[in-house]
Amino acid sequence: MAWRPGRALAGLDIGDTHACWCVLGRHQRHWQLQQCQSWPLKPGWVEAGRILDYQGLLDALQQWLAGHGVTQLAMALPVEVCVSQVLDAPRRLLPWQRRSWLSRRAAESIGRPPSELCWSAHALSGPTARWRLTVAPIEQVQDWLGLAEALGCELVALDEAHQAAWRALDQWQDALPTGGWLFQVGGASIQALHEQDGHWQWAWRESTDSPDWLGRCLAAVGQAPVFWTGQGDQASDLQGALLAAGLHPQRPLLSQTLHWAPGLSGPEEADAIWPALGLASRRLRS
């Protein structure tokens, strides 16, 4: 299916070891993955969420995405360059006051004016209004903004990778288990999601530098179904700990309600699609 402005959006997630690209749009009455590809990155191009070899990464992306025809792009911001916190909204906060309130709290979180920040917020379920706020200084994301411009795309959304993946997991994961847990492992942090009322709800986030982050995962799960995403040593450690505890950790699977374009196959790293898919979903659901 050809690209139609306003009917589809590309999502791009770049980690330390891979880049994942997908384009989501409408085909007849269904959502359809129109493009989906994952590529390995050379060591030293990206490290701890920071681009070390900008020209090398850009040249590779331009080669991989040549002729894609997409002009709007949503991009995942690496977890390692973000500061996250959970906020309780003031009791009398009106809907039209929400953005300015979140902007002020973002500025307070790292002591910088809003004009020097990149931030996003995700509403959390519960009896009171809560928000998960993610903030990064603008100088930490300049290279990511420059990549979109160099690729000839308008950057319409920039969101932290775990948060972007959460959007997709909540909407597109197949067979969501009652009471299940899902751990998103990435670089220096792990984010835990818990199934409640048919949705993945945010539970907690912790640094993988914490001395007992694996213990916290095992204590949370008990004997419930458990899923995990991520690459690297921390992800391997988590999988090993869950197996040693007699659990059967699984990779989340895409729902069959999400159709694939003819001849399209998924990326080799199956969970690499989630941040890119969440980014592509974001504009289409807004």
Foldseek 3Di string as FASTA:
>chain_A
DDDDPPFKEKEWEDAQFKIWIWIWGDDPHAIATEAIEMDTDDHQCADLQAGRNLVVVLVVVCVVCPPVPAAEYEYAREPRQKDKDKDFDPPPQDPVNVVVVLLVVLCVVVVHHSVQKDKDWDWFDDPGTMIIIMIGGNVRCVSVCVSCVSSNHDYPYYYHQVVLLLQCCFPWFPPDDAQEKEWEDHDQKIWIWTDDPSGTGTDDMDTPVPPPPLVVVCVSGPAHAYEYADDDDVRVVNCVSCVVVVYDYYHTDTHPSHHYDPPHDHYPRNSSCRSRVSRRVVSVVD
